[in-house]
Amino acid sequence: MLHARPILALLAGTAVFAVGCGEGSRDSVDFTGAEAEVAEVVGDLQEAAESEETTRICRALLTQELASGDCRAKVQQAIDDTDQFALDVRDVRVTGATAAARVITGSGDAERTTTMRFAREGSSWRVSAFE
């Protein structure tokens, strides 16, 4: 079940951060193969949040388990509470059908590192948890 707190923590926590070049996780050129695919999902999440594409976030970027319940309303609330949506992927670790990405959020004194977890559903990587 999708809980407001994890989604709010992700989008509010990971959205109130600035990235040096303003490109966020689109710096996936540093990654190859499955690692690049995971980094791309972070970039897709950033874009979808900036565009307030709650349906896309819930249907294409989150695992079915995470997106269950009233996903769109919870994601919209998180977006409404956010000023910026830049993400900077620093590291991706893939282990079979799961992955973890270390993402830098914020800048300066507000900078923090968060971990996003991913699971493969079909042929796509999707966000499965936020830490």
N, C-alpha and C. Protein backbone atom coordinates (compact mmCIF):
# COMPACT_ATOMS: atom_id res chain seq x y z
N MET A 1 0.84 -1.19 0.00
CA MET A 1 0.00 0.00 0.00
C MET A 1 0.88 1.24 0.00
N LEU A 2 0.54 2.22 -0.77
CA LEU A 2 1.27 3.47 -0.84
C LEU A 2 0.88 4.34 0.33
N HIS A 3 1.84 4.71 1.11
CA HIS A 3 1.59 5.58 2.24
C HIS A 3 2.02 6.98 1.90
N ALA A 4 1.32 7.97 2.39
CA ALA A 4 1.65 9.36 2.10
C ALA A 4 3.05 9.69 2.55
N ARG A 5 3.45 9.21 3.69
CA ARG A 5 4.76 9.57 4.23
C ARG A 5 5.91 9.20 3.30
N PRO A 6 6.00 7.94 2.78
CA PRO A 6 7.11 7.64 1.88
C PRO A 6 7.09 8.46 0.60
N ILE A 7 5.92 8.63 0.00
CA ILE A 7 5.85 9.42 -1.22
C ILE A 7 6.19 10.87 -0.91
N LEU A 8 5.63 11.41 0.15
CA LEU A 8 5.94 12.78 0.52
C LEU A 8 7.42 12.93 0.84
N ALA A 9 7.98 11.95 1.51
CA ALA A 9 9.41 12.00 1.82
C ALA A 9 10.22 11.98 0.54
N LEU A 10 9.83 11.17 -0.40
CA LEU A 10 10.57 11.12 -1.66
C LEU A 10 10.47 12.43 -2.41
N LEU A 11 9.27 12.84 -2.73
CA LEU A 11 9.11 14.01 -3.57
C LEU A 11 9.41 15.30 -2.84
N ALA A 12 9.09 15.38 -1.58
CA ALA A 12 9.43 16.59 -0.84
C ALA A 12 10.90 16.56 -0.47
N GLY A 13 11.38 15.41 -0.03
CA GLY A 13 12.78 15.31 0.36
C GLY A 13 13.72 15.36 -0.82
N THR A 14 13.39 14.65 -1.88
CA THR A 14 14.28 14.63 -3.02
C THR A 14 14.00 15.77 -3.98
N ALA A 15 12.92 16.45 -3.79
CA ALA A 15 12.60 17.51 -4.73
C ALA A 15 13.14 18.86 -4.30
N VAL A 16 13.42 19.04 -3.05
CA VAL A 16 13.92 20.33 -2.60
C VAL A 16 15.44 20.28 -2.60
N PHE A 17 16.00 20.05 -3.77
CA PHE A 17 17.44 20.03 -3.89
C PHE A 17 17.84 20.61 -5.21
N ALA A 18 18.99 21.18 -5.21
CA ALA A 18 19.52 21.76 -6.44
C ALA A 18 20.70 20.92 -6.88
N VAL A 19 20.90 20.88 -8.18
CA VAL A 19 22.01 20.14 -8.73
C VAL A 19 22.88 21.10 -9.50
N GLY A 20 24.18 20.91 -9.38
CA GLY A 20 25.16 21.79 -10.00
C GLY A 20 24.81 22.27 -11.40
N CYS A 21 24.70 21.38 -12.34
CA CYS A 21 24.47 21.79 -13.73
C CYS A 21 22.99 21.87 -14.06
N GLY A 22 22.14 21.56 -13.13
CA GLY A 22 20.71 21.62 -13.40
C GLY A 22 20.20 20.47 -14.22
N GLU A 23 21.03 19.48 -14.48
CA GLU A 23 20.59 18.35 -15.29
C GLU A 23 20.10 17.20 -14.45
N GLY A 24 20.32 17.22 -13.17
CA GLY A 24 19.84 16.17 -12.31
C GLY A 24 20.33 14.81 -12.73
N SER A 25 19.50 13.82 -12.62
CA SER A 25 19.90 12.45 -12.86
C SER A 25 20.10 12.13 -14.32
N ARG A 26 19.90 13.07 -15.18
CA ARG A 26 20.13 12.83 -16.60
C ARG A 26 21.62 12.63 -16.89
N ASP A 27 22.46 12.73 -15.88
CA ASP A 27 23.88 12.47 -16.04
C ASP A 27 24.14 10.97 -16.08
N SER A 28 23.21 10.22 -16.63
CA SER A 28 23.33 8.77 -16.66
C SER A 28 24.43 8.30 -17.61
N VAL A 29 25.09 9.23 -18.30
CA VAL A 29 26.20 8.85 -19.16
C VAL A 29 27.32 8.24 -18.33
N ASP A 30 27.34 8.50 -17.04
CA ASP A 30 28.33 7.91 -16.15
C ASP A 30 28.03 6.46 -15.86
N PHE A 31 26.88 6.00 -16.25
CA PHE A 31 26.44 4.64 -15.98
C PHE A 31 26.23 3.91 -17.29
N THR A 32 26.32 2.59 -17.23
CA THR A 32 26.08 1.78 -18.42
C THR A 32 25.12 0.65 -18.07
N GLY A 33 24.53 0.05 -19.07
CA GLY A 33 23.67 -1.11 -18.88
C GLY A 33 22.51 -0.85 -17.94
N ALA A 34 22.28 -1.80 -17.05
CA ALA A 34 21.16 -1.70 -16.11
C ALA A 34 21.31 -0.50 -15.18
N GLU A 35 22.55 -0.14 -14.82
CA GLU A 35 22.76 1.03 -13.97
C GLU A 35 22.24 2.29 -14.65
N ALA A 36 22.50 2.42 -15.94
CA ALA A 36 22.01 3.58 -16.69
C ALA A 36 20.48 3.58 -16.76
N GLU A 37 19.88 2.40 -16.90
CA GLU A 37 18.42 2.29 -16.94
C GLU A 37 17.81 2.77 -15.63
N VAL A 38 18.42 2.39 -14.51
CA VAL A 38 17.93 2.82 -13.19
C VAL A 38 18.09 4.33 -13.05
N ALA A 39 19.25 4.86 -13.41
CA ALA A 39 19.47 6.32 -13.33
C ALA A 39 18.46 7.06 -14.20
N GLU A 40 18.09 6.48 -15.31
CA GLU A 40 17.10 7.09 -16.20
C GLU A 40 15.73 7.18 -15.53
N VAL A 41 15.37 6.18 -14.74
CA VAL A 41 14.10 6.20 -14.02
C VAL A 41 14.07 7.38 -13.05
N VAL A 42 15.20 7.65 -12.39
CA VAL A 42 15.26 8.80 -11.48
C VAL A 42 15.03 10.08 -12.28
N GLY A 43 15.65 10.18 -13.44
CA GLY A 43 15.44 11.34 -14.31
C GLY A 43 14.01 11.46 -14.77
N ASP A 44 13.40 10.32 -15.09
CA ASP A 44 12.00 10.32 -15.51
C ASP A 44 11.10 10.78 -14.36
N LEU A 45 11.42 10.35 -13.14
CA LEU A 45 10.65 10.78 -11.98
C LEU A 45 10.77 12.29 -11.79
N GLN A 46 11.97 12.80 -11.95
CA GLN A 46 12.20 14.24 -11.84
C GLN A 46 11.35 14.99 -12.86
N GLU A 47 11.41 14.56 -14.11
CA GLU A 47 10.63 15.21 -15.18
C GLU A 47 9.13 15.13 -14.92
N ALA A 48 8.67 13.96 -14.53
CA ALA A 48 7.24 13.77 -14.29
C ALA A 48 6.76 14.64 -13.12
N ALA A 49 7.57 14.77 -12.10
CA ALA A 49 7.20 15.61 -10.96
C ALA A 49 7.16 17.08 -11.38
N GLU A 50 8.14 17.51 -12.16
CA GLU A 50 8.16 18.90 -12.64
C GLU A 50 6.92 19.22 -13.46
N SER A 51 6.47 18.24 -14.25
CA SER A 51 5.31 18.41 -15.12
C SER A 51 4.00 18.03 -14.45
N GLU A 52 4.07 17.66 -13.18
CA GLU A 52 2.89 17.23 -12.42
C GLU A 52 2.15 16.09 -13.10
N GLU A 53 2.89 15.14 -13.63
CA GLU A 53 2.32 13.98 -14.30
C GLU A 53 2.10 12.86 -13.29
N THR A 54 1.11 13.04 -12.44
CA THR A 54 0.86 12.07 -11.38
C THR A 54 0.48 10.69 -11.94
N THR A 55 -0.25 10.66 -13.02
CA THR A 55 -0.63 9.38 -13.61
C THR A 55 0.61 8.64 -14.09
N ARG A 56 1.50 9.34 -14.76
CA ARG A 56 2.75 8.72 -15.24
C ARG A 56 3.58 8.20 -14.07
N ILE A 57 3.69 8.98 -13.01
CA ILE A 57 4.46 8.54 -11.85
C ILE A 57 3.87 7.26 -11.28
N CYS A 58 2.58 7.25 -11.08
CA CYS A 58 1.92 6.09 -10.46
C CYS A 58 1.89 4.86 -11.36
N ARG A 59 1.69 5.04 -12.64
CA ARG A 59 1.52 3.90 -13.54
C ARG A 59 2.82 3.40 -14.15
N ALA A 60 3.81 4.29 -14.33
CA ALA A 60 5.01 3.89 -15.06
C ALA A 60 6.29 3.93 -14.26
N LEU A 61 6.31 4.64 -13.13
CA LEU A 61 7.57 4.84 -12.43
C LEU A 61 7.64 4.19 -11.05
N LEU A 62 6.50 3.89 -10.45
CA LEU A 62 6.46 3.24 -9.15
C LEU A 62 6.04 1.78 -9.33
N THR A 63 6.52 0.90 -8.44
CA THR A 63 6.07 -0.49 -8.49
C THR A 63 4.57 -0.53 -8.22
N GLN A 64 3.95 -1.60 -8.67
CA GLN A 64 2.51 -1.75 -8.43
C GLN A 64 2.19 -1.69 -6.95
N GLU A 65 3.02 -2.32 -6.13
CA GLU A 65 2.79 -2.32 -4.69
C GLU A 65 2.87 -0.90 -4.13
N LEU A 66 3.86 -0.14 -4.53
CA LEU A 66 4.03 1.21 -4.01
C LEU A 66 2.93 2.14 -4.52
N ALA A 67 2.44 1.89 -5.72
CA ALA A 67 1.43 2.77 -6.32
C ALA A 67 0.00 2.37 -6.00
N SER A 68 -0.19 1.39 -5.14
CA SER A 68 -1.55 0.98 -4.83
C SER A 68 -2.25 2.06 -3.99
N GLY A 69 -3.55 1.98 -3.92
CA GLY A 69 -4.30 2.97 -3.15
C GLY A 69 -4.50 4.26 -3.94
N ASP A 70 -4.58 5.36 -3.24
CA ASP A 70 -4.83 6.67 -3.85
C ASP A 70 -3.52 7.35 -4.24
N CYS A 71 -2.77 6.70 -5.08
CA CYS A 71 -1.43 7.16 -5.45
C CYS A 71 -1.43 8.57 -6.03
N ARG A 72 -2.26 8.82 -7.01
CA ARG A 72 -2.24 10.12 -7.69
C ARG A 72 -2.46 11.28 -6.74
N ALA A 73 -3.39 11.15 -5.82
CA ALA A 73 -3.66 12.24 -4.87
C ALA A 73 -2.46 12.45 -3.94
N LYS A 74 -1.84 11.37 -3.50
CA LYS A 74 -0.69 11.49 -2.61
C LYS A 74 0.51 12.09 -3.33
N VAL A 75 0.73 11.67 -4.55
CA VAL A 75 1.83 12.23 -5.34
C VAL A 75 1.56 13.71 -5.62
N GLN A 76 0.33 14.06 -5.96
CA GLN A 76 0.00 15.47 -6.23
C GLN A 76 0.24 16.32 -4.99
N GLN A 77 -0.13 15.82 -3.83
CA GLN A 77 0.11 16.56 -2.59
C GLN A 77 1.61 16.80 -2.38
N ALA A 78 2.41 15.78 -2.63
CA ALA A 78 3.86 15.92 -2.49
C ALA A 78 4.40 16.95 -3.48
N ILE A 79 3.91 16.91 -4.70
CA ILE A 79 4.34 17.88 -5.71
C ILE A 79 3.95 19.29 -5.29
N ASP A 80 2.73 19.45 -4.79
CA ASP A 80 2.27 20.77 -4.36
C ASP A 80 3.12 21.34 -3.23
N ASP A 81 3.71 20.46 -2.42
CA ASP A 81 4.52 20.89 -1.28
C ASP A 81 5.99 21.10 -1.65
N THR A 82 6.33 21.03 -2.93
CA THR A 82 7.72 21.05 -3.37
C THR A 82 8.01 22.27 -4.24
N ASP A 83 9.23 22.80 -4.08
CA ASP A 83 9.64 23.96 -4.87
C ASP A 83 10.50 23.58 -6.06
N GLN A 84 11.41 22.62 -5.89
CA GLN A 84 12.34 22.24 -6.94
C GLN A 84 12.34 20.73 -7.08
N PHE A 85 12.73 20.23 -8.25
CA PHE A 85 12.66 18.80 -8.49
C PHE A 85 13.96 18.21 -9.03
N ALA A 86 15.09 18.83 -8.81
CA ALA A 86 16.36 18.33 -9.35
C ALA A 86 16.89 17.19 -8.49
N LEU A 87 17.38 16.15 -9.16
CA LEU A 87 17.96 14.98 -8.49
C LEU A 87 19.33 14.73 -9.10
N ASP A 88 20.27 14.28 -8.29
CA ASP A 88 21.62 13.99 -8.77
C ASP A 88 21.99 12.58 -8.36
N VAL A 89 21.98 11.66 -9.30
CA VAL A 89 22.32 10.27 -9.02
C VAL A 89 23.84 10.15 -8.93
N ARG A 90 24.33 9.65 -7.80
CA ARG A 90 25.77 9.52 -7.60
C ARG A 90 26.26 8.09 -7.73
N ASP A 91 25.40 7.12 -7.44
CA ASP A 91 25.84 5.73 -7.49
C ASP A 91 24.62 4.85 -7.72
N VAL A 92 24.80 3.79 -8.49
CA VAL A 92 23.74 2.81 -8.72
C VAL A 92 24.34 1.43 -8.55
N ARG A 93 23.68 0.60 -7.79
CA ARG A 93 24.08 -0.80 -7.58
C ARG A 93 22.93 -1.69 -8.00
N VAL A 94 23.20 -2.58 -8.95
CA VAL A 94 22.18 -3.51 -9.44
C VAL A 94 22.53 -4.91 -8.97
N THR A 95 21.55 -5.59 -8.38
CA THR A 95 21.71 -6.97 -7.94
C THR A 95 20.52 -7.76 -8.46
N GLY A 96 20.71 -8.42 -9.57
CA GLY A 96 19.61 -9.19 -10.17
C GLY A 96 18.47 -8.29 -10.57
N ALA A 97 17.29 -8.53 -9.98
CA ALA A 97 16.08 -7.78 -10.33
C ALA A 97 15.81 -6.62 -9.37
N THR A 98 16.80 -6.27 -8.55
CA THR A 98 16.65 -5.13 -7.65
C THR A 98 17.86 -4.21 -7.81
N ALA A 99 17.67 -2.97 -7.40
CA ALA A 99 18.75 -1.99 -7.50
C ALA A 99 18.57 -0.93 -6.43
N ALA A 100 19.65 -0.22 -6.16
CA ALA A 100 19.62 0.91 -5.23
C ALA A 100 20.41 2.04 -5.86
N ALA A 101 19.90 3.25 -5.72
CA ALA A 101 20.59 4.44 -6.24
C ALA A 101 20.80 5.41 -5.09
N ARG A 102 22.02 5.90 -4.99
CA ARG A 102 22.32 6.95 -4.01
C ARG A 102 22.09 8.27 -4.72
N VAL A 103 21.17 9.07 -4.18
CA VAL A 103 20.75 10.31 -4.82
C VAL A 103 21.02 11.47 -3.87
N ILE A 104 21.63 12.52 -4.41
CA ILE A 104 21.90 13.72 -3.63
C ILE A 104 20.72 14.66 -3.79
N THR A 105 20.22 15.13 -2.67
CA THR A 105 19.12 16.08 -2.66
C THR A 105 19.56 17.32 -1.91
N GLY A 106 19.06 18.46 -2.30
CA GLY A 106 19.41 19.72 -1.65
C GLY A 106 20.76 20.22 -2.10
N SER A 107 21.16 21.31 -1.51
CA SER A 107 22.48 21.86 -1.81
C SER A 107 22.98 22.58 -0.57
N GLY A 108 24.28 22.79 -0.52
CA GLY A 108 24.86 23.51 0.61
C GLY A 108 24.56 22.81 1.92
N ASP A 109 24.13 23.60 2.91
CA ASP A 109 23.80 23.05 4.23
C ASP A 109 22.58 22.13 4.19
N ALA A 110 21.76 22.26 3.16
CA ALA A 110 20.54 21.44 3.06
C ALA A 110 20.78 20.15 2.27
N GLU A 111 22.00 19.95 1.76
CA GLU A 111 22.28 18.75 0.97
C GLU A 111 22.20 17.51 1.84
N ARG A 112 21.57 16.49 1.27
CA ARG A 112 21.52 15.22 1.96
C ARG A 112 21.51 14.10 0.93
N THR A 113 21.87 12.93 1.40
CA THR A 113 21.88 11.75 0.54
C THR A 113 20.69 10.88 0.90
N THR A 114 20.00 10.43 -0.11
CA THR A 114 18.88 9.52 0.10
C THR A 114 19.10 8.30 -0.79
N THR A 115 18.52 7.20 -0.42
CA THR A 115 18.61 5.99 -1.23
C THR A 115 17.24 5.67 -1.79
N MET A 116 17.22 5.44 -3.07
CA MET A 116 16.00 5.00 -3.75
C MET A 116 16.21 3.55 -4.13
N ARG A 117 15.22 2.72 -3.87
CA ARG A 117 15.27 1.30 -4.22
C ARG A 117 14.40 1.06 -5.44
N PHE A 118 14.80 0.09 -6.24
CA PHE A 118 14.12 -0.22 -7.49
C PHE A 118 13.90 -1.71 -7.62
N ALA A 119 12.86 -2.07 -8.35
CA ALA A 119 12.60 -3.47 -8.68
C ALA A 119 12.25 -3.55 -10.15
N ARG A 120 12.62 -4.64 -10.75
CA ARG A 120 12.28 -4.86 -12.15
C ARG A 120 10.88 -5.44 -12.20
N GLU A 121 10.00 -4.77 -12.93
CA GLU A 121 8.65 -5.27 -13.18
C GLU A 121 8.52 -5.40 -14.69
N GLY A 122 8.46 -6.64 -15.15
CA GLY A 122 8.46 -6.87 -16.58
C GLY A 122 9.81 -6.45 -17.13
N SER A 123 9.81 -5.58 -18.12
CA SER A 123 11.06 -5.12 -18.71
C SER A 123 11.49 -3.74 -18.19
N SER A 124 10.77 -3.23 -17.19
CA SER A 124 11.04 -1.87 -16.70
C SER A 124 11.54 -1.86 -15.26
N TRP A 125 12.41 -0.91 -14.96
CA TRP A 125 12.80 -0.64 -13.59
C TRP A 125 11.79 0.34 -13.02
N ARG A 126 11.40 0.12 -11.78
CA ARG A 126 10.45 1.01 -11.11
C ARG A 126 10.89 1.26 -9.67
N VAL A 127 10.55 2.43 -9.17
CA VAL A 127 10.87 2.77 -7.79
C VAL A 127 10.05 1.88 -6.87
N SER A 128 10.73 1.24 -5.91
CA SER A 128 10.03 0.35 -4.98
C SER A 128 10.07 0.84 -3.53
N ALA A 129 11.00 1.72 -3.21
CA ALA A 129 11.09 2.22 -1.83
C ALA A 129 12.01 3.44 -1.79
N PHE A 130 11.84 4.23 -0.74
CA PHE A 130 12.66 5.41 -0.50
C PHE A 130 13.17 5.32 0.92
N GLU A 131 14.43 5.61 1.09
CA GLU A 131 15.00 5.56 2.45
C GLU A 131 15.57 6.92 2.82
